[in-house]
C-alpha atoms as a PDB file:
ATOM      1  CA  MET A   1      18.469   4.939  21.286  1.00  0.00           C
ATOM      2  CA  SER A   2      15.564   7.095  20.219  1.00  0.00           C
ATOM      3  CA  ALA A   3      14.090   6.826  16.759  1.00  0.00           C
ATOM      4  CA  SER A   4      15.056   9.415  14.165  1.00  0.00           C
ATOM      5  CA  PRO A   5      12.537  12.096  13.179  1.00  0.00           C
ATOM      6  CA  THR A   6      12.276  10.480   9.754  1.00  0.00           C
ATOM      7  CA  SER A   7      11.407   7.107  11.301  1.00  0.00           C
ATOM      8  CA  ASP A   8       8.745   8.808  13.418  1.00  0.00           C
ATOM      9  CA  ILE A   9       7.252  10.492  10.336  1.00  0.00           C
ATOM     10  CA  VAL A  10       7.226   7.233   8.372  1.00  0.00           C
ATOM     11  CA  HIS A  11       5.580   5.430  11.294  1.00  0.00           C
ATOM     12  CA  ILE A  12       2.869   8.079  11.633  1.00  0.00           C
ATOM     13  CA  LEU A  13       2.201   7.992   7.899  1.00  0.00           C
ATOM     14  CA  TYR A  14       2.096   4.195   8.087  1.00  0.00           C
ATOM     15  CA  LEU A  15      -0.611   4.323  10.745  1.00  0.00           C
ATOM     16  CA  VAL A  16      -2.618   6.841   8.730  1.00  0.00           C
ATOM     17  CA  ALA A  17      -2.239   4.671   5.637  1.00  0.00           C
ATOM     18  CA  ILE A  18      -3.374   1.410   7.231  1.00  0.00           C
ATOM     19  CA  VAL A  19      -6.421   3.151   8.690  1.00  0.00           C
ATOM     20  CA  ALA A  20      -7.313   4.574   5.263  1.00  0.00           C
ATOM     21  CA  GLU A  21      -6.770   1.215   3.565  1.00  0.00           C
ATOM     22  CA  ALA A  22      -8.950  -0.537   6.137  1.00  0.00           C
ATOM     23  CA  MET A  23     -11.754   1.983   5.645  1.00  0.00           C
ATOM     24  CA  THR A  24     -11.732   1.676   1.862  1.00  0.00           C
ATOM     25  CA  ALA A  25     -11.742  -2.110   2.289  1.00  0.00           C
ATOM     26  CA  ALA A  26     -14.833  -1.801   4.468  1.00  0.00           C
ATOM     27  CA  LEU A  27     -16.641  -0.007   1.651  1.00  0.00           C
ATOM     28  CA  ALA A  28     -15.663  -2.822  -0.733  1.00  0.00           C
ATOM     29  CA  ALA A  29     -17.010  -5.317   1.810  1.00  0.00           C
ATOM     30  CA  GLY A  30     -20.251  -3.338   2.012  1.00  0.00           C
ATOM     31  CA  ARG A  31     -20.684  -3.450  -1.744  1.00  0.00           C
ATOM     32  CA  ARG A  32     -20.431  -7.245  -1.457  1.00  0.00           C
ATOM     33  CA  GLU A  33     -22.882  -7.287   1.488  1.00  0.00           C
ATOM     34  CA  MET A  34     -20.409  -8.940   3.879  1.00  0.00           C
ATOM     35  CA  ASP A  35     -21.216  -9.318   7.560  1.00  0.00           C
ATOM     36  CA  TRP A  36     -19.316  -7.441  10.233  1.00  0.00           C
ATOM     37  CA  ILE A  37     -16.724 -10.206  10.638  1.00  0.00           C
ATOM     38  CA  GLY A  38     -16.089 -10.004   6.907  1.00  0.00           C
ATOM     39  CA  VAL A  39     -15.694  -6.234   7.159  1.00  0.00           C
ATOM     40  CA  PHE A  40     -13.221  -6.612  10.038  1.00  0.00           C
ATOM     41  CA  LEU A  41     -11.158  -9.296   8.293  1.00  0.00           C
ATOM     42  CA  LEU A  42     -11.130  -7.568   4.901  1.00  0.00           C
ATOM     43  CA  GLY A  43      -9.912  -4.373   6.571  1.00  0.00           C
ATOM     44  CA  CYS A  44      -7.042  -6.245   8.236  1.00  0.00           C
ATOM     45  CA  ILE A  45      -6.107  -8.173   5.100  1.00  0.00           C
ATOM     46  CA  THR A  46      -6.111  -5.103   2.887  1.00  0.00           C
ATOM     47  CA  ALA A  47      -4.088  -2.942   5.261  1.00  0.00           C
ATOM     48  CA  LEU A  48      -1.599  -5.580   6.412  1.00  0.00           C
ATOM     49  CA  GLY A  49      -1.668  -8.189   3.656  1.00  0.00           C
ATOM     50  CA  GLY A  50       1.077  -6.735   1.486  1.00  0.00           C
ATOM     51  CA  GLY A  51       3.585  -6.613   4.324  1.00  0.00           C
ATOM     52  CA  THR A  52       2.557 -10.076   5.495  1.00  0.00           C
ATOM     53  CA  VAL A  53       3.149 -11.691   2.096  1.00  0.00           C
ATOM     54  CA  ARG A  54       6.476  -9.854   1.800  1.00  0.00           C
ATOM     55  CA  ASP A  55       7.626 -11.115   5.187  1.00  0.00           C
ATOM     56  CA  VAL A  56       6.573 -14.683   4.431  1.00  0.00           C
ATOM     57  CA  LEU A  57       8.389 -14.688   1.090  1.00  0.00           C
ATOM     58  CA  LEU A  58      11.542 -13.140   2.570  1.00  0.00           C
ATOM     59  CA  ASN A  59      11.373 -15.261   5.728  1.00  0.00           C
ATOM     60  CA  HIS A  60      11.325 -12.062   7.769  1.00  0.00           C
ATOM     61  CA  HIS A  61       9.940 -12.651  11.243  1.00  0.00           C
ATOM     62  CA  PRO A  62       8.043 -11.789  13.291  1.00  0.00           C
ATOM     63  CA  LEU A  63       5.325 -10.513  10.994  1.00  0.00           C
ATOM     64  CA  SER A  64       4.484  -6.872  11.639  1.00  0.00           C
ATOM     65  CA  TRP A  65       1.090  -7.606  13.187  1.00  0.00           C
ATOM     66  CA  VAL A  66       2.548 -10.424  15.279  1.00  0.00           C
ATOM     67  CA  ALA A  67       5.215  -8.090  16.632  1.00  0.00           C
ATOM     68  CA  THR A  68       2.608  -5.347  17.122  1.00  0.00           C
ATOM     69  CA  PRO A  69      -0.835  -6.959  17.591  1.00  0.00           C
ATOM     70  CA  SER A  70      -2.419  -3.546  18.004  1.00  0.00           C
ATOM     71  CA  TYR A  71      -2.185  -3.168  14.207  1.00  0.00           C
ATOM     72  CA  LEU A  72      -4.943  -5.785  13.918  1.00  0.00           C
ATOM     73  CA  LEU A  73      -7.174  -3.794  16.249  1.00  0.00           C
ATOM     74  CA  VAL A  74      -6.383  -0.489  14.544  1.00  0.00           C
ATOM     75  CA  THR A  75      -7.227  -1.814  11.090  1.00  0.00           C
ATOM     76  CA  GLY A  76     -10.153  -4.014  12.063  1.00  0.00           C
ATOM     77  CA  LEU A  77     -11.832  -1.390  14.222  1.00  0.00           C
ATOM     78  CA  SER A  78     -11.237   1.281  11.572  1.00  0.00           C
ATOM     79  CA  ALA A  79     -13.065  -0.943   9.108  1.00  0.00           C
ATOM     80  CA  LEU A  80     -15.970  -1.419  11.521  1.00  0.00           C
ATOM     81  CA  ALA A  81     -16.087   2.312  12.247  1.00  0.00           C
ATOM     82  CA  THR A  82     -16.679   2.865   8.548  1.00  0.00           C
ATOM     83  CA  ILE A  83     -20.077   1.122   8.717  1.00  0.00           C
ATOM     84  CA  PRO A  84     -21.990   4.006  10.351  1.00  0.00           C
ATOM     85  CA  LEU A  85     -19.979   6.544   8.327  1.00  0.00           C
ATOM     86  CA  ALA A  86     -20.471   4.877   4.941  1.00  0.00           C
ATOM     87  CA  ARG A  87     -23.257   7.208   3.822  1.00  0.00           C
ATOM     88  CA  TYR A  88     -20.879  10.174   4.081  1.00  0.00           C
ATOM     89  CA  MET A  89     -17.788   8.546   2.575  1.00  0.00           C
ATOM     90  CA  HIS A  90     -18.447   9.653  -1.012  1.00  0.00           C
ATOM     91  CA  HIS A  91     -17.827  13.235   0.116  1.00  0.00           C
ATOM     92  CA  LEU A  92     -14.310  12.213   1.157  1.00  0.00           C
ATOM     93  CA  ARG A  93     -13.320  10.443  -2.062  1.00  0.00           C
ATOM     94  CA  LYS A  94     -10.517  12.864  -2.959  1.00  0.00           C
ATOM     95  CA  MET A  95      -9.079  12.678   0.541  1.00  0.00           C
ATOM     96  CA  PHE A  96      -8.988   8.887   0.433  1.00  0.00           C
ATOM     97  CA  LEU A  97      -7.332   8.909  -2.983  1.00  0.00           C
ATOM     98  CA  PHE A  98      -4.660  11.151  -1.498  1.00  0.00           C
ATOM     99  CA  LEU A  99      -4.242   8.935   1.564  1.00  0.00           C
ATOM    100  CA  ASP A 100      -4.070   5.863  -0.650  1.00  0.00           C
ATOM    101  CA  ALA A 101      -1.274   7.512  -2.624  1.00  0.00           C
ATOM    102  CA  ILE A 102       0.584   8.242   0.601  1.00  0.00           C
ATOM    103  CA  GLY A 103       0.079   4.654   1.695  1.00  0.00           C
ATOM    104  CA  LEU A 104       1.474   3.344  -1.595  1.00  0.00           C
ATOM    105  CA  VAL A 105       4.770   5.224  -1.296  1.00  0.00           C
ATOM    106  CA  VAL A 106       5.138   4.680   2.463  1.00  0.00           C
ATOM    107  CA  PHE A 107       4.478   0.939   2.186  1.00  0.00           C
ATOM    108  CA  THR A 108       6.922   0.760  -0.723  1.00  0.00           C
ATOM    109  CA  VAL A 109       9.729   2.465   1.181  1.00  0.00           C
ATOM    110  CA  ILE A 110       9.143   0.287   4.251  1.00  0.00           C
ATOM    111  CA  GLY A 111       9.264  -2.839   2.082  1.00  0.00           C
ATOM    112  CA  CYS A 112      12.509  -1.700   0.472  1.00  0.00           C
ATOM    113  CA  GLN A 113      14.024  -0.893   3.863  1.00  0.00           C
ATOM    114  CA  ILE A 114      13.258  -4.363   5.213  1.00  0.00           C
ATOM    115  CA  ALA A 115      14.663  -6.107   2.147  1.00  0.00           C
ATOM    116  CA  LEU A 116      17.812  -3.983   2.326  1.00  0.00           C
ATOM    117  CA  THR A 117      18.389  -4.857   5.980  1.00  0.00           C
ATOM    118  CA  MET A 118      18.276  -8.520   4.913  1.00  0.00           C
ATOM    119  CA  ASN A 119      20.937  -7.856   2.233  1.00  0.00           C
ATOM    120  CA  GLN A 120      18.653  -8.928  -0.569  1.00  0.00           C
ATOM    121  CA  PRO A 121      19.602  -8.319  -4.242  1.00  0.00           C
ATOM    122  CA  LEU A 122      18.449  -4.985  -5.623  1.00  0.00           C
ATOM    123  CA  VAL A 123      15.750  -6.537  -7.823  1.00  0.00           C
ATOM    124  CA  VAL A 124      14.344  -8.276  -4.745  1.00  0.00           C
ATOM    125  CA  VAL A 125      14.413  -4.989  -2.834  1.00  0.00           C
ATOM    126  CA  VAL A 126      12.302  -3.300  -5.519  1.00  0.00           C
ATOM    127  CA  ALA A 127       9.963  -6.305  -5.680  1.00  0.00           C
ATOM    128  CA  ALA A 128       9.583  -6.291  -1.890  1.00  0.00           C
ATOM    129  CA  GLY A 129       8.629  -2.633  -2.010  1.00  0.00           C
ATOM    130  CA  MET A 130       6.073  -3.253  -4.737  1.00  0.00           C
ATOM    131  CA  LEU A 131       4.568  -6.241  -2.921  1.00  0.00           C
ATOM    132  CA  THR A 132       4.226  -4.205   0.251  1.00  0.00           C
ATOM    133  CA  GLY A 133       2.670  -1.274  -1.568  1.00  0.00           C
ATOM    134  CA  CYS A 134       0.301  -3.078  -3.901  1.00  0.00           C
ATOM    135  CA  LEU A 135      -0.602  -6.554  -2.730  1.00  0.00           C
ATOM    136  CA  GLY A 136      -3.067  -5.572  -0.003  1.00  0.00           C
ATOM    137  CA  GLY A 137      -5.356  -4.023  -2.598  1.00  0.00           C
ATOM    138  CA  VAL A 138      -4.967  -7.050  -4.853  1.00  0.00           C
ATOM    139  CA  LEU A 139      -6.024  -9.365  -2.021  1.00  0.00           C
ATOM    140  CA  ARG A 140      -9.022  -7.125  -1.293  1.00  0.00           C
ATOM    141  CA  ASP A 141     -10.199  -7.224  -4.888  1.00  0.00           C
ATOM    142  CA  ILE A 142      -9.687 -10.989  -5.221  1.00  0.00           C
ATOM    143  CA  LEU A 143     -11.690 -11.628  -2.049  1.00  0.00           C
ATOM    144  CA  CYS A 144     -14.408  -9.349  -3.428  1.00  0.00           C
ATOM    145  CA  ASN A 145     -14.370 -11.287  -6.722  1.00  0.00           C
ATOM    146  CA  GLU A 146     -13.205  -8.313  -8.776  1.00  0.00           C
ATOM    147  CA  VAL A 147     -10.387  -7.775 -11.264  1.00  0.00           C
ATOM    148  CA  PRO A 148      -7.692  -6.160  -9.090  1.00  0.00           C
ATOM    149  CA  LEU A 149      -7.609  -2.390  -9.366  1.00  0.00           C
ATOM    150  CA  LEU A 150      -3.845  -2.728  -9.811  1.00  0.00           C
ATOM    151  CA  PHE A 151      -4.406  -4.173 -13.300  1.00  0.00           C
ATOM    152  CA  ARG A 152      -7.067  -1.778 -14.553  1.00  0.00           C
ATOM    153  CA  SER A 153      -6.433   1.708 -13.222  1.00  0.00           C
ATOM    154  CA  GLN A 154      -3.979   4.581 -13.417  1.00  0.00           C
ATOM    155  CA  LEU A 155      -0.284   4.061 -12.756  1.00  0.00           C
ATOM    156  CA  TYR A 156      -0.030   2.160  -9.476  1.00  0.00           C
ATOM    157  CA  ALA A 157       2.524  -0.646  -9.511  1.00  0.00           C
ATOM    158  CA  THR A 158       4.621   1.569 -11.779  1.00  0.00           C
ATOM    159  CA  VAL A 159       4.622   4.277  -9.108  1.00  0.00           C
ATOM    160  CA  SER A 160       5.728   1.729  -6.526  1.00  0.00           C
ATOM    161  CA  VAL A 161       8.602   0.528  -8.713  1.00  0.00           C
ATOM    162  CA  PHE A 162       9.599   4.135  -9.423  1.00  0.00           C
ATOM    163  CA  THR A 163       9.579   4.930  -5.696  1.00  0.00           C
ATOM    164  CA  GLY A 164      11.742   1.894  -4.962  1.00  0.00           C
ATOM    165  CA  LEU A 165      14.245   2.797  -7.675  1.00  0.00           C
ATOM    166  CA  VAL A 166      14.548   6.368  -6.377  1.00  0.00           C
ATOM    167  CA  TYR A 167      15.069   4.996  -2.869  1.00  0.00           C
ATOM    168  CA  LEU A 168      17.910   2.795  -4.134  1.00  0.00           C
ATOM    169  CA  ALA A 169      19.488   5.414  -6.393  1.00  0.00           C
ATOM    170  CA  ALA A 170      19.445   8.463  -4.103  1.00  0.00           C
ATOM    171  CA  PRO A 171      22.258   7.326  -1.741  1.00  0.00           C
ATOM    172  CA  HIS A 172      24.591   7.120  -4.754  1.00  0.00           C
ATOM    173  CA  LEU A 173      24.037  10.842  -5.198  1.00  0.00           C
ATOM    174  CA  GLY A 174      25.446  11.437  -1.733  1.00  0.00           C
ATOM    175  CA  LEU A 175      22.090  11.975  -0.044  1.00  0.00           C
ATOM    176  CA  SER A 176      21.555  11.011   3.574  1.00  0.00           C
ATOM    177  CA  HIS A 177      19.081   8.325   4.590  1.00  0.00           C
ATOM    178  CA  THR A 178      16.623  10.999   5.696  1.00  0.00           C
ATOM    179  CA  LEU A 179      16.757  12.843   2.377  1.00  0.00           C
ATOM    180  CA  THR A 180      16.640   9.558   0.471  1.00  0.00           C
ATOM    181  CA  THR A 181      13.454   8.517   2.255  1.00  0.00           C
ATOM    182  CA  LEU A 182      11.761  11.885   1.833  1.00  0.00           C
ATOM    183  CA  LEU A 183      12.812  12.192  -1.819  1.00  0.00           C
ATOM    184  CA  ALA A 184      11.576   8.715  -2.736  1.00  0.00           C
ATOM    185  CA  MET A 185       8.227   9.223  -1.012  1.00  0.00           C
ATOM    186  CA  GLY A 186       7.848  12.758  -2.354  1.00  0.00           C
ATOM    187  CA  LEU A 187       8.563  11.925  -5.997  1.00  0.00           C
ATOM    188  CA  GLY A 188       6.455   8.776  -5.836  1.00  0.00           C
ATOM    189  CA  LEU A 189       3.550  10.729  -4.339  1.00  0.00           C
ATOM    190  CA  VAL A 190       3.776  13.418  -7.028  1.00  0.00           C
ATOM    191  CA  LEU A 191       3.802  10.803  -9.797  1.00  0.00           C
ATOM    192  CA  ARG A 192       0.775   9.000  -8.346  1.00  0.00           C
ATOM    193  CA  LEU A 193      -1.197  12.233  -7.914  1.00  0.00           C
ATOM    194  CA  LEU A 194      -0.366  13.312 -11.457  1.00  0.00           C
ATOM    195  CA  ALA A 195      -1.509   9.906 -12.717  1.00  0.00           C
ATOM    196  CA  ILE A 196      -4.824  10.363 -10.896  1.00  0.00           C
ATOM    197  CA  ARG A 197      -5.226  13.947 -12.109  1.00  0.00           C
ATOM    198  CA  PHE A 198      -4.505  13.258 -15.779  1.00  0.00           C
ATOM    199  CA  GLY A 199      -5.632   9.643 -16.000  1.00  0.00           C
ATOM    200  CA  TRP A 200      -2.209   8.275 -16.894  1.00  0.00           C
ATOM    201  CA  SER A 201      -2.127   4.506 -17.253  1.00  0.00           C
ATOM    202  CA  MET A 202      -0.094   1.740 -18.837  1.00  0.00           C
ATOM    203  CA  PRO A 203      -1.098   0.571 -22.340  1.00  0.00           C
ATOM    204  CA  LYS A 204      -3.876  -1.998 -22.191  1.00  0.00           C
ATOM    205  CA  PHE A 205      -3.837  -5.360 -23.936  1.00  0.00           C
ATOM    206  CA  VAL A 206      -7.161  -6.112 -25.627  1.00  0.00           C
ATOM    207  CA  TYR A 207      -7.738  -9.461 -27.340  1.00  0.00           C
ATOM    208  CA  THR A 208     -11.236 -10.441 -28.376  1.00  0.00           C
ATOM    209  CA  ARG A 209     -10.809 -13.312 -30.807  1.00  0.00           C
ATOM    210  CA  ASP A 210     -11.883 -16.788 -29.824  1.00  0.00           C
ATOM    211  CA  LEU A 211      -9.167 -19.357 -30.492  1.00  0.00           C
ATOM    212  CA  HIS A 212     -11.743 -22.086 -31.159  1.00  0.00           C
END
């Protein structure tokens, strides 16, 4: 049985997203003066880490990069390819923000789909989507000894949760799986881009007193 057009679109967007994530990870590795092995590994971890943690927690096997080892080469080599291109990357900042937003919603929908096929509770489905969408960047920042971008930037995890909720709610409106997938990704993408454009973020907690 051939894959549906929607599945093909999601897969293509997934490949684009993991390449973009690997390249941004390479820049983070460069700022920390990592060697080429570090660049390769950080690219793989950032692009594939969210899905890997999700699969481990849900006991979903094989892991995506075990089932398709070429994902390791795609992400690792994309990270290495960034090294000679790094001097030009600042000109592409807006493009990478856009690709990152696409990656967030695509990863989220894929995570939700996998959890649904395992008949997980709805709260677990949303959490699986958020883990898939956000955790790769968290792992990147932790390995680079930085406060994760997830906790200090515009709406990110919130967009992932919103995307997951739309993906769960849309079928109850009588929408097909294709329309559900496109609607969830489309609305999530719009929300993320608006958050970037207008600097929307969650309220911050600031506490400066010393308890001692």
